[in-house]
Amino acid sequence: MSRRASSLVAFLASVASSVASSSSAWALCSRDTAEIGSCGDYSIGVFAPLVYDINDNLAVRGHPLTFFVAPNAVLEVNHGGLGPVRLKGEYGLSVPTGGMMLLQGFVFPTWDHSDRQVGWFLVPRAGVVASLWRGEPHVLSGRVNLAVGVPLTHSDATPLGGIAPLELLFAPVLASYRAQIGVDYDRSLLPWLRARAGVDVFAFGDAPAITLRANLGVDIAVGEWSRFLVGCVWWNSDTGAIDLESHESARSNDFLPTVDFIWAG
């Protein structure tokens, strides 16, 4: 074995030994469940929202990077539980119009030569998360929520008919509402490693349009609380695509990687 290969093996062995020695003192906990942490706990990712636990029964969640162009916040409330099942309510409000205006010329028309415009909206949302614990290492969670667009001024913006994540982001405004029902399974593989799988169904618009999402990934511990997220997500949606052979409408299937770092404490 070459000197360079020997050094690499020694480094990997050192990392593995360090993880193994620290794993006896702590284990990576589940996330996105009905559980609310202790007072002062927090987590924030590059893409994941900021979550701050006000106390054992209340937490607030939001995306700080978009807050000044699209104010948003969700209040999480502990509603107790029965036996191994715990319940959490989610009640939020956002104002996405500023962000939509910044995207004019890219996602939305600029309407430079007409009086058409993107209107102002409030988007209230409410939902519930239920988690079934079979011991903390393995958690099954289900969620249901509804977001509704409440117009404050006239708007000429219409549904985008584009990729699913962007369509769903603005669905409460462009299609009047967005409903979600989903289930996630979070399982501990090692003290520093968790696997996660989930399926969600979204509905929006008068028809309504149905979008499916399935995700699979792992959480890798960094220190005692923080983690890397690595995985992939599959979207199945109606983007107006046409089958070239039958010339009939066909649903789109999009596979996207998911990578994030969540800093927590």
C-alpha atoms as a PDB file:
ATOM      1  CA  MET A   1       0.000   0.000   0.000  1.00  0.00           C
ATOM      2  CA  SER A   2       1.328   3.447  -0.943  1.00  0.00           C
ATOM      3  CA  ARG A   3       2.099   6.100   1.664  1.00  0.00           C
ATOM      4  CA  ARG A   4      -0.777   8.272   0.425  1.00  0.00           C
ATOM      5  CA  ALA A   5      -3.264   5.370   0.639  1.00  0.00           C
ATOM      6  CA  SER A   6      -1.995   4.466   4.108  1.00  0.00           C
ATOM      7  CA  SER A   7      -2.499   8.051   5.266  1.00  0.00           C
ATOM      8  CA  LEU A   8      -6.059   8.076   3.893  1.00  0.00           C
ATOM      9  CA  VAL A   9      -6.908   4.792   5.647  1.00  0.00           C
ATOM     10  CA  ALA A  10      -5.456   6.103   8.900  1.00  0.00           C
ATOM     11  CA  PHE A  11      -7.479   9.316   8.607  1.00  0.00           C
ATOM     12  CA  LEU A  12     -10.736   7.452   7.948  1.00  0.00           C
ATOM     13  CA  ALA A  13     -10.027   5.111  10.851  1.00  0.00           C
ATOM     14  CA  SER A  14      -9.428   8.113  13.104  1.00  0.00           C
ATOM     15  CA  VAL A  15     -12.750   9.704  12.060  1.00  0.00           C
ATOM     16  CA  ALA A  16     -14.623   6.448  12.575  1.00  0.00           C
ATOM     17  CA  SER A  17     -13.032   5.997  15.993  1.00  0.00           C
ATOM     18  CA  SER A  18     -13.956   9.541  16.977  1.00  0.00           C
ATOM     19  CA  VAL A  19     -17.600   9.050  15.922  1.00  0.00           C
ATOM     20  CA  ALA A  20     -17.807   5.718  17.686  1.00  0.00           C
ATOM     21  CA  SER A  21     -16.372   7.069  20.926  1.00  0.00           C
ATOM     22  CA  SER A  22     -18.725  10.065  20.964  1.00  0.00           C
ATOM     23  CA  SER A  23     -21.823   8.055  20.016  1.00  0.00           C
ATOM     24  CA  SER A  24     -21.924   6.414  23.417  1.00  0.00           C
ATOM     25  CA  ALA A  25     -22.621   9.825  24.990  1.00  0.00           C
ATOM     26  CA  TRP A  26     -25.357  10.993  22.623  1.00  0.00           C
ATOM     27  CA  ALA A  27     -27.582   9.906  19.772  1.00  0.00           C
ATOM     28  CA  LEU A  28     -28.944  11.954  16.885  1.00  0.00           C
ATOM     29  CA  CYS A  29     -32.616  12.737  17.526  1.00  0.00           C
ATOM     30  CA  SER A  30     -35.502  12.645  15.043  1.00  0.00           C
ATOM     31  CA  ARG A  31     -36.710  15.847  13.372  1.00  0.00           C
ATOM     32  CA  ASP A  32     -39.916  17.334  11.922  1.00  0.00           C
ATOM     33  CA  THR A  33     -42.088  15.454  14.404  1.00  0.00           C
ATOM     34  CA  ALA A  34     -44.844  16.508  16.825  1.00  0.00           C
ATOM     35  CA  GLU A  35     -42.214  16.938  19.540  1.00  0.00           C
ATOM     36  CA  ILE A  36     -41.253  20.452  20.698  1.00  0.00           C
ATOM     37  CA  GLY A  37     -37.835  20.787  22.310  1.00  0.00           C
ATOM     38  CA  SER A  38     -36.750  22.562  25.459  1.00  0.00           C
ATOM     39  CA  CYS A  39     -36.788  26.313  26.007  1.00  0.00           C
ATOM     40  CA  GLY A  40     -34.047  27.984  23.964  1.00  0.00           C
ATOM     41  CA  ASP A  41     -33.392  25.095  21.572  1.00  0.00           C
ATOM     42  CA  TYR A  42     -32.902  26.160  17.956  1.00  0.00           C
ATOM     43  CA  SER A  43     -32.034  24.830  14.517  1.00  0.00           C
ATOM     44  CA  ILE A  44     -31.456  26.488  11.144  1.00  0.00           C
ATOM     45  CA  GLY A  45     -30.358  25.166   7.772  1.00  0.00           C
ATOM     46  CA  VAL A  46     -29.257  26.576   4.449  1.00  0.00           C
ATOM     47  CA  PHE A  47     -32.666  25.584   3.063  1.00  0.00           C
ATOM     48  CA  ALA A  48     -34.397  24.324   6.213  1.00  0.00           C
ATOM     49  CA  PRO A  49     -36.224  27.028   8.211  1.00  0.00           C
ATOM     50  CA  LEU A  50     -35.172  28.524  11.519  1.00  0.00           C
ATOM     51  CA  VAL A  51     -36.956  26.846  14.440  1.00  0.00           C
ATOM     52  CA  TYR A  52     -36.761  28.355  17.931  1.00  0.00           C
ATOM     53  CA  ASP A  53     -38.382  26.706  20.940  1.00  0.00           C
ATOM     54  CA  ILE A  54     -39.950  29.398  23.133  1.00  0.00           C
ATOM     55  CA  ASN A  55     -40.774  26.871  25.841  1.00  0.00           C
ATOM     56  CA  ASP A  56     -41.740  23.212  26.130  1.00  0.00           C
ATOM     57  CA  ASN A  57     -45.129  23.857  24.477  1.00  0.00           C
ATOM     58  CA  LEU A  58     -44.447  26.625  21.938  1.00  0.00           C
ATOM     59  CA  ALA A  59     -42.012  27.071  19.063  1.00  0.00           C
ATOM     60  CA  VAL A  60     -41.773  29.518  16.178  1.00  0.00           C
ATOM     61  CA  ARG A  61     -40.592  28.643  12.669  1.00  0.00           C
ATOM     62  CA  GLY A  62     -39.707  30.767   9.642  1.00  0.00           C
ATOM     63  CA  HIS A  63     -37.312  31.337   6.756  1.00  0.00           C
ATOM     64  CA  PRO A  64     -35.097  34.287   7.778  1.00  0.00           C
ATOM     65  CA  LEU A  65     -33.418  34.626   4.358  1.00  0.00           C
ATOM     66  CA  THR A  66     -36.738  35.488   2.719  1.00  0.00           C
ATOM     67  CA  PHE A  67     -38.373  37.263   5.660  1.00  0.00           C
ATOM     68  CA  PHE A  68     -37.698  40.827   4.479  1.00  0.00           C
ATOM     69  CA  VAL A  69     -39.154  40.242   0.995  1.00  0.00           C
ATOM     70  CA  ALA A  70     -41.777  37.677   2.008  1.00  0.00           C
ATOM     71  CA  PRO A  71     -42.563  37.892   5.759  1.00  0.00           C
ATOM     72  CA  ASN A  72     -43.452  34.480   7.129  1.00  0.00           C
ATOM     73  CA  ALA A  73     -43.842  32.715  10.459  1.00  0.00           C
ATOM     74  CA  VAL A  74     -45.431  29.534  11.811  1.00  0.00           C
ATOM     75  CA  LEU A  75     -46.330  29.007  15.472  1.00  0.00           C
ATOM     76  CA  GLU A  76     -46.011  25.402  16.651  1.00  0.00           C
ATOM     77  CA  VAL A  77     -48.215  24.457  19.621  1.00  0.00           C
ATOM     78  CA  ASN A  78     -48.014  21.293  21.692  1.00  0.00           C
ATOM     79  CA  HIS A  79     -51.489  19.737  21.898  1.00  0.00           C
ATOM     80  CA  GLY A  80     -50.450  16.824  24.107  1.00  0.00           C
ATOM     81  CA  GLY A  81     -51.209  13.279  23.102  1.00  0.00           C
ATOM     82  CA  LEU A  82     -52.549   9.893  24.015  1.00  0.00           C
ATOM     83  CA  GLY A  83     -50.205   7.042  24.855  1.00  0.00           C
ATOM     84  CA  PRO A  84     -47.424   6.849  22.250  1.00  0.00           C
ATOM     85  CA  VAL A  85     -49.143   9.409  19.983  1.00  0.00           C
ATOM     86  CA  ARG A  86     -48.280  13.107  20.289  1.00  0.00           C
ATOM     87  CA  LEU A  87     -50.004  16.038  18.570  1.00  0.00           C
ATOM     88  CA  LYS A  88     -48.712  19.427  17.476  1.00  0.00           C
ATOM     89  CA  GLY A  89     -50.642  22.259  15.832  1.00  0.00           C
ATOM     90  CA  GLU A  90     -49.083  24.556  13.228  1.00  0.00           C
ATOM     91  CA  TYR A  91     -50.559  28.031  12.647  1.00  0.00           C
ATOM     92  CA  GLY A  92     -48.861  30.434  10.276  1.00  0.00           C
ATOM     93  CA  LEU A  93     -49.095  33.575   8.182  1.00  0.00           C
ATOM     94  CA  SER A  94     -47.055  34.828   5.235  1.00  0.00           C
ATOM     95  CA  VAL A  95     -47.083  37.729   2.758  1.00  0.00           C
ATOM     96  CA  PRO A  96     -45.383  36.431  -0.436  1.00  0.00           C
ATOM     97  CA  THR A  97     -46.079  39.400  -2.746  1.00  0.00           C
ATOM     98  CA  GLY A  98     -42.690  41.093  -2.271  1.00  0.00           C
ATOM     99  CA  GLY A  99     -40.864  37.950  -3.343  1.00  0.00           C
ATOM    100  CA  MET A 100     -43.179  37.538  -6.339  1.00  0.00           C
ATOM    101  CA  MET A 101     -42.423  41.093  -7.444  1.00  0.00           C
ATOM    102  CA  LEU A 102     -38.674  40.421  -7.251  1.00  0.00           C
ATOM    103  CA  LEU A 103     -39.191  37.418  -9.539  1.00  0.00           C
ATOM    104  CA  GLN A 104     -40.953  39.436 -12.241  1.00  0.00           C
ATOM    105  CA  GLY A 105     -39.088  38.940 -15.491  1.00  0.00           C
ATOM    106  CA  PHE A 106     -37.894  35.504 -14.373  1.00  0.00           C
ATOM    107  CA  VAL A 107     -40.967  33.640 -13.083  1.00  0.00           C
ATOM    108  CA  PHE A 108     -43.724  36.210 -13.462  1.00  0.00           C
ATOM    109  CA  PRO A 109     -44.333  38.593 -16.399  1.00  0.00           C
ATOM    110  CA  THR A 110     -43.039  42.143 -15.968  1.00  0.00           C
ATOM    111  CA  TRP A 111     -46.129  43.722 -17.591  1.00  0.00           C
ATOM    112  CA  ASP A 112     -44.059  46.812 -18.364  1.00  0.00           C
ATOM    113  CA  HIS A 113     -46.450  47.978 -21.082  1.00  0.00           C
ATOM    114  CA  SER A 114     -49.791  47.321 -19.392  1.00  0.00           C
ATOM    115  CA  ASP A 115     -51.605  47.999 -16.146  1.00  0.00           C
ATOM    116  CA  ARG A 116     -51.535  44.325 -15.115  1.00  0.00           C
ATOM    117  CA  GLN A 117     -49.854  43.606 -11.799  1.00  0.00           C
ATOM    118  CA  VAL A 118     -49.014  41.117  -9.058  1.00  0.00           C
ATOM    119  CA  GLY A 119     -51.446  41.725  -6.230  1.00  0.00           C
ATOM    120  CA  TRP A 120     -50.954  41.737  -2.472  1.00  0.00           C
ATOM    121  CA  PHE A 121     -52.004  38.628  -0.547  1.00  0.00           C
ATOM    122  CA  LEU A 122     -52.092  37.269   2.973  1.00  0.00           C
ATOM    123  CA  VAL A 123     -51.599  33.514   3.235  1.00  0.00           C
ATOM    124  CA  PRO A 124     -52.819  32.029   6.542  1.00  0.00           C
ATOM    125  CA  ARG A 125     -52.165  28.333   7.113  1.00  0.00           C
ATOM    126  CA  ALA A 126     -53.153  25.765   9.718  1.00  0.00           C
ATOM    127  CA  GLY A 127     -52.312  22.126  10.213  1.00  0.00           C
ATOM    128  CA  VAL A 128     -51.597  19.316  12.618  1.00  0.00           C
ATOM    129  CA  VAL A 129     -48.733  16.852  13.025  1.00  0.00           C
ATOM    130  CA  ALA A 130     -49.207  13.511  14.797  1.00  0.00           C
ATOM    131  CA  SER A 131     -46.228  11.340  15.744  1.00  0.00           C
ATOM    132  CA  LEU A 132     -46.217   7.737  16.904  1.00  0.00           C
ATOM    133  CA  TRP A 133     -43.227   6.791  19.013  1.00  0.00           C
ATOM    134  CA  ARG A 134     -42.068   3.190  19.180  1.00  0.00           C
ATOM    135  CA  GLY A 135     -39.182   4.253  21.317  1.00  0.00           C
ATOM    136  CA  GLU A 136     -37.404   7.488  20.347  1.00  0.00           C
ATOM    137  CA  PRO A 137     -35.108   5.839  17.740  1.00  0.00           C
ATOM    138  CA  HIS A 138     -38.085   5.103  15.435  1.00  0.00           C
ATOM    139  CA  VAL A 139     -40.792   7.700  14.768  1.00  0.00           C
ATOM    140  CA  LEU A 140     -43.765   7.627  12.381  1.00  0.00           C
ATOM    141  CA  SER A 141     -45.326  11.044  11.705  1.00  0.00           C
ATOM    142  CA  GLY A 142     -48.370  12.144   9.733  1.00  0.00           C
ATOM    143  CA  ARG A 143     -49.268  15.712   8.801  1.00  0.00           C
ATOM    144  CA  VAL A 144     -52.214  17.580   7.329  1.00  0.00           C
ATOM    145  CA  ASN A 145     -52.261  21.294   6.563  1.00  0.00           C
ATOM    146  CA  LEU A 146     -54.061  23.887   4.479  1.00  0.00           C
ATOM    147  CA  ALA A 147     -52.848  27.278   3.222  1.00  0.00           C
ATOM    148  CA  VAL A 148     -55.285  29.778   1.672  1.00  0.00           C
ATOM    149  CA  GLY A 149     -54.558  32.915  -0.323  1.00  0.00           C
ATOM    150  CA  VAL A 150     -56.537  35.965   0.840  1.00  0.00           C
ATOM    151  CA  PRO A 151     -56.355  38.782  -1.773  1.00  0.00           C
ATOM    152  CA  LEU A 152     -55.859  42.316  -0.488  1.00  0.00           C
ATOM    153  CA  THR A 153     -55.674  43.912  -3.945  1.00  0.00           C
ATOM    154  CA  HIS A 154     -56.420  42.838  -7.509  1.00  0.00           C
ATOM    155  CA  SER A 155     -53.886  40.422  -9.046  1.00  0.00           C
ATOM    156  CA  ASP A 156     -53.338  39.321 -12.654  1.00  0.00           C
ATOM    157  CA  ALA A 157     -50.884  36.548 -11.794  1.00  0.00           C
ATOM    158  CA  THR A 158     -51.985  33.055 -12.864  1.00  0.00           C
ATOM    159  CA  PRO A 159     -50.723  29.504 -12.122  1.00  0.00           C
ATOM    160  CA  LEU A 160     -47.242  28.950 -13.534  1.00  0.00           C
ATOM    161  CA  GLY A 161     -47.596  25.428 -14.932  1.00  0.00           C
ATOM    162  CA  GLY A 162     -43.922  24.898 -14.161  1.00  0.00           C
ATOM    163  CA  ILE A 163     -41.821  22.673 -11.942  1.00  0.00           C
ATOM    164  CA  ALA A 164     -43.613  21.300  -8.909  1.00  0.00           C
ATOM    165  CA  PRO A 165     -41.648  22.970  -6.049  1.00  0.00           C
ATOM    166  CA  LEU A 166     -42.151  26.443  -7.511  1.00  0.00           C
ATOM    167  CA  GLU A 167     -45.784  25.767  -8.394  1.00  0.00           C
ATOM    168  CA  LEU A 168     -46.551  24.608  -4.853  1.00  0.00           C
ATOM    169  CA  LEU A 169     -44.703  27.520  -3.276  1.00  0.00           C
ATOM    170  CA  PHE A 170     -47.065  30.051  -4.870  1.00  0.00           C
ATOM    171  CA  ALA A 171     -50.165  27.805  -5.121  1.00  0.00           C
ATOM    172  CA  PRO A 172     -52.089  29.499  -2.248  1.00  0.00           C
ATOM    173  CA  VAL A 173     -51.841  32.810  -4.130  1.00  0.00           C
ATOM    174  CA  LEU A 174     -52.112  31.644  -7.751  1.00  0.00           C
ATOM    175  CA  ALA A 175     -54.602  28.792  -7.242  1.00  0.00           C
ATOM    176  CA  SER A 176     -56.438  30.048  -4.112  1.00  0.00           C
ATOM    177  CA  TYR A 177     -55.252  27.251  -1.773  1.00  0.00           C
ATOM    178  CA  ARG A 178     -52.772  24.432  -1.163  1.00  0.00           C
ATOM    179  CA  ALA A 179     -53.678  21.306   0.825  1.00  0.00           C
ATOM    180  CA  GLN A 180     -51.143  18.725   1.983  1.00  0.00           C
ATOM    181  CA  ILE A 181     -51.362  15.301   3.546  1.00  0.00           C
ATOM    182  CA  GLY A 182     -48.247  13.257   4.180  1.00  0.00           C
ATOM    183  CA  VAL A 183     -46.445  10.656   6.234  1.00  0.00           C
ATOM    184  CA  ASP A 184     -42.769  10.342   7.268  1.00  0.00           C
ATOM    185  CA  TYR A 185     -40.797   7.532   8.865  1.00  0.00           C
ATOM    186  CA  ASP A 186     -37.622   8.455  10.722  1.00  0.00           C
ATOM    187  CA  ARG A 187     -35.406   5.577  11.866  1.00  0.00           C
ATOM    188  CA  SER A 188     -32.127   5.433  13.772  1.00  0.00           C
ATOM    189  CA  LEU A 189     -29.478   3.286  12.077  1.00  0.00           C
ATOM    190  CA  LEU A 190     -26.534   4.230  14.283  1.00  0.00           C
ATOM    191  CA  PRO A 191     -26.227   6.810  17.078  1.00  0.00           C
ATOM    192  CA  TRP A 192     -24.842   9.285  14.518  1.00  0.00           C
ATOM    193  CA  LEU A 193     -26.914   8.208  11.507  1.00  0.00           C
ATOM    194  CA  ARG A 194     -30.656   8.334  10.795  1.00  0.00           C
ATOM    195  CA  ALA A 195     -32.631   7.304   7.687  1.00  0.00           C
ATOM    196  CA  ARG A 196     -35.783   9.097   6.619  1.00  0.00           C
ATOM    197  CA  ALA A 197     -38.493   8.374   4.046  1.00  0.00           C
ATOM    198  CA  GLY A 198     -41.698  10.249   3.298  1.00  0.00           C
ATOM    199  CA  VAL A 199     -44.621  10.583   0.914  1.00  0.00           C
ATOM    200  CA  ASP A 200     -46.816  13.677   0.440  1.00  0.00           C
ATOM    201  CA  VAL A 201     -49.884  14.470  -1.645  1.00  0.00           C
ATOM    202  CA  PHE A 202     -50.655  18.096  -2.534  1.00  0.00           C
ATOM    203  CA  ALA A 203     -53.868  19.474  -4.037  1.00  0.00           C
ATOM    204  CA  PHE A 204     -54.519  23.011  -5.308  1.00  0.00           C
ATOM    205  CA  GLY A 205     -56.735  24.885  -7.751  1.00  0.00           C
ATOM    206  CA  ASP A 206     -60.316  24.451  -8.910  1.00  0.00           C
ATOM    207  CA  ALA A 207     -59.754  21.116 -10.719  1.00  0.00           C
ATOM    208  CA  PRO A 208     -57.930  20.317  -8.368  1.00  0.00           C
ATOM    209  CA  ALA A 209     -54.390  19.608  -9.545  1.00  0.00           C
ATOM    210  CA  ILE A 210     -52.635  16.793  -7.683  1.00  0.00           C
ATOM    211  CA  THR A 211     -48.878  16.681  -7.080  1.00  0.00           C
ATOM    212  CA  LEU A 212     -47.032  13.793  -5.475  1.00  0.00           C
ATOM    213  CA  ARG A 213     -43.732  13.927  -3.639  1.00  0.00           C
ATOM    214  CA  ALA A 214     -41.595  11.095  -2.245  1.00  0.00           C
ATOM    215  CA  ASN A 215     -38.270  11.564  -0.502  1.00  0.00           C
ATOM    216  CA  LEU A 216     -35.510   9.371   0.856  1.00  0.00           C
ATOM    217  CA  GLY A 217     -32.393  10.445   2.687  1.00  0.00           C
ATOM    218  CA  VAL A 218     -30.048  10.200   5.648  1.00  0.00           C
ATOM    219  CA  ASP A 219     -29.090  12.565   8.472  1.00  0.00           C
ATOM    220  CA  ILE A 220     -25.409  12.474   9.465  1.00  0.00           C
ATOM    221  CA  ALA A 221     -24.499  13.903  12.851  1.00  0.00           C
ATOM    222  CA  VAL A 222     -22.033  16.769  13.138  1.00  0.00           C
ATOM    223  CA  GLY A 223     -21.248  17.203  16.818  1.00  0.00           C
ATOM    224  CA  GLU A 224     -24.023  16.571  19.308  1.00  0.00           C
ATOM    225  CA  TRP A 225     -26.897  18.480  17.652  1.00  0.00           C
ATOM    226  CA  SER A 226     -26.045  19.591  14.119  1.00  0.00           C
ATOM    227  CA  ARG A 227     -26.324  17.402  11.022  1.00  0.00           C
ATOM    228  CA  PHE A 228     -25.831  17.024   7.278  1.00  0.00           C
ATOM    229  CA  LEU A 229     -28.837  15.998   5.180  1.00  0.00           C
ATOM    230  CA  VAL A 230     -28.223  14.023   1.998  1.00  0.00           C
ATOM    231  CA  GLY A 231     -30.908  12.407  -0.146  1.00  0.00           C
ATOM    232  CA  CYS A 232     -33.179  12.705  -3.155  1.00  0.00           C
ATOM    233  CA  VAL A 233     -36.787  13.643  -3.876  1.00  0.00           C
ATOM    234  CA  TRP A 234     -39.177  12.528  -6.630  1.00  0.00           C
ATOM    235  CA  TRP A 235     -41.890  14.863  -7.884  1.00  0.00           C
ATOM    236  CA  ASN A 236     -44.835  13.729 -10.016  1.00  0.00           C
ATOM    237  CA  SER A 237     -46.910  16.634 -11.316  1.00  0.00           C
ATOM    238  CA  ASP A 238     -48.852  18.036 -14.238  1.00  0.00           C
ATOM    239  CA  THR A 239     -46.649  20.640 -15.946  1.00  0.00           C
ATOM    240  CA  GLY A 240     -48.531  20.632 -19.238  1.00  0.00           C
ATOM    241  CA  ALA A 241     -46.112  18.185 -20.885  1.00  0.00           C
ATOM    242  CA  ILE A 242     -47.276  16.282 -23.983  1.00  0.00           C
ATOM    243  CA  ASP A 243     -46.372  12.686 -24.872  1.00  0.00           C
ATOM    244  CA  LEU A 244     -44.625  12.837 -28.252  1.00  0.00           C
ATOM    245  CA  GLU A 245     -46.074   9.508 -29.425  1.00  0.00           C
ATOM    246  CA  SER A 246     -49.695   9.705 -28.296  1.00  0.00           C
ATOM    247  CA  HIS A 247     -49.867  13.519 -28.298  1.00  0.00           C
ATOM    248  CA  GLU A 248     -51.778  13.303 -25.033  1.00  0.00           C
ATOM    249  CA  SER A 249     -50.989  15.120 -21.815  1.00  0.00           C
ATOM    250  CA  ALA A 250     -48.402  13.368 -19.638  1.00  0.00           C
ATOM    251  CA  ARG A 251     -47.398  13.914 -16.049  1.00  0.00           C
ATOM    252  CA  SER A 252     -43.815  14.953 -15.394  1.00  0.00           C
ATOM    253  CA  ASN A 253     -41.424  12.980 -13.194  1.00  0.00           C
ATOM    254  CA  ASP A 254     -38.562  14.973 -11.709  1.00  0.00           C
ATOM    255  CA  PHE A 255     -35.769  13.589  -9.538  1.00  0.00           C
ATOM    256  CA  LEU A 256     -33.784  16.138  -7.549  1.00  0.00           C
ATOM    257  CA  PRO A 257     -30.942  15.782  -5.031  1.00  0.00           C
ATOM    258  CA  THR A 258     -31.404  17.174  -1.516  1.00  0.00           C
ATOM    259  CA  VAL A 259     -28.412  18.502   0.404  1.00  0.00           C
ATOM    260  CA  ASP A 260     -28.485  20.697   3.491  1.00  0.00           C
ATOM    261  CA  PHE A 261     -26.615  21.466   6.695  1.00  0.00           C
ATOM    262  CA  ILE A 262     -28.662  22.106   9.833  1.00  0.00           C
ATOM    263  CA  TRP A 263     -26.928  23.925  12.658  1.00  0.00           C
ATOM    264  CA  ALA A 264     -28.634  23.280  15.988  1.00  0.00           C
ATOM    265  CA  GLY A 265     -28.112  23.864  19.660  1.00  0.00           C
END
